[in-house]
C-alpha atoms as a PDB file:
ATOM      1  CA  MET A   1       9.451 -12.065 -19.228  1.00  0.00           C
ATOM      2  CA  LYS A   2       8.988  -9.018 -16.464  1.00  0.00           C
ATOM      3  CA  GLN A   3      11.906  -9.084 -14.416  1.00  0.00           C
ATOM      4  CA  PRO A   4      11.591  -8.989 -10.391  1.00  0.00           C
ATOM      5  CA  LEU A   5      11.798  -5.709  -8.532  1.00  0.00           C
ATOM      6  CA  PHE A   6      14.498  -5.128  -6.388  1.00  0.00           C
ATOM      7  CA  TYR A   7      14.470  -1.877  -4.097  1.00  0.00           C
ATOM      8  CA  LYS A   8      17.143  -0.422  -2.193  1.00  0.00           C
ATOM      9  CA  LEU A   9      17.192  -0.951   1.858  1.00  0.00           C
ATOM     10  CA  PRO A  10      17.350   2.427   4.038  1.00  0.00           C
ATOM     11  CA  SER A  11      20.767   2.300   5.656  1.00  0.00           C
ATOM     12  CA  VAL A  12      18.348   2.305   9.238  1.00  0.00           C
ATOM     13  CA  THR A  13      16.009  -1.064   9.325  1.00  0.00           C
ATOM     14  CA  ARG A  14      15.107  -1.058  12.955  1.00  0.00           C
ATOM     15  CA  THR A  15      14.208   1.693  15.476  1.00  0.00           C
ATOM     16  CA  CYS A  16      15.968   2.415  18.624  1.00  0.00           C
ATOM     17  CA  GLN A  17      14.144  -0.179  20.683  1.00  0.00           C
ATOM     18  CA  GLY A  18      15.052  -3.285  17.595  1.00  0.00           C
ATOM     19  CA  SER A  19      11.853  -3.277  16.358  1.00  0.00           C
ATOM     20  CA  LEU A  20      11.680  -3.206  12.337  1.00  0.00           C
ATOM     21  CA  ARG A  21      10.811   0.516  10.245  1.00  0.00           C
ATOM     22  CA  GLN A  22       7.545   0.418   9.376  1.00  0.00           C
ATOM     23  CA  VAL A  23       6.225   3.184   6.808  1.00  0.00           C
ATOM     24  CA  GLY A  24       3.067   4.050   5.486  1.00  0.00           C
ATOM     25  CA  PHE A  25       1.713   5.383   2.165  1.00  0.00           C
ATOM     26  CA  GLU A  26      -1.320   7.675   1.659  1.00  0.00           C
ATOM     27  CA  LEU A  27      -3.059   8.247  -1.655  1.00  0.00           C
ATOM     28  CA  GLU A  28      -5.579  11.543  -2.476  1.00  0.00           C
ATOM     29  CA  PHE A  29      -7.579  11.407  -5.108  1.00  0.00           C
ATOM     30  CA  THR A  30     -11.365  13.430  -6.124  1.00  0.00           C
ATOM     31  CA  GLY A  31     -13.735  12.652  -7.920  1.00  0.00           C
ATOM     32  CA  LEU A  32     -15.291   9.605  -6.119  1.00  0.00           C
ATOM     33  CA  ASP A  33     -17.265   8.810  -3.407  1.00  0.00           C
ATOM     34  CA  LEU A  34     -16.853   5.937  -0.927  1.00  0.00           C
ATOM     35  CA  GLU A  35     -19.409   3.704  -2.744  1.00  0.00           C
ATOM     36  CA  GLN A  36     -17.896   4.223  -5.796  1.00  0.00           C
ATOM     37  CA  THR A  37     -14.282   4.076  -4.428  1.00  0.00           C
ATOM     38  CA  THR A  38     -15.049   0.558  -2.791  1.00  0.00           C
ATOM     39  CA  ARG A  39     -16.848  -1.062  -5.817  1.00  0.00           C
ATOM     40  CA  VAL A  40     -13.546  -0.480  -7.604  1.00  0.00           C
ATOM     41  CA  LEU A  41     -10.921  -1.637  -5.027  1.00  0.00           C
ATOM     42  CA  GLU A  42     -13.139  -4.783  -4.968  1.00  0.00           C
ATOM     43  CA  THR A  43     -13.037  -4.995  -9.085  1.00  0.00           C
ATOM     44  CA  VAL A  44      -9.473  -4.166  -9.385  1.00  0.00           C
ATOM     45  CA  LEU A  45      -8.326  -6.153  -5.821  1.00  0.00           C
ATOM     46  CA  GLY A  46     -11.060  -9.015  -5.436  1.00  0.00           C
ATOM     47  CA  GLY A  47     -12.171  -7.868  -2.468  1.00  0.00           C
ATOM     48  CA  THR A  48     -15.445  -7.881  -0.609  1.00  0.00           C
ATOM     49  CA  ARG A  49     -16.832  -5.865   2.018  1.00  0.00           C
ATOM     50  CA  SER A  50     -17.406  -7.340   5.526  1.00  0.00           C
END
């Protein structure tokens, strides 16, 4: 059985205003157009387009 993953929190978790800090994630790829990408994401994640 797989063990759950635990990640170390950064030393500063709040902004100066007291809000939780947030992080973004960007993934770049090539070779698929928007339609192909949408189909792959729907299949893998089980979503639908709205």
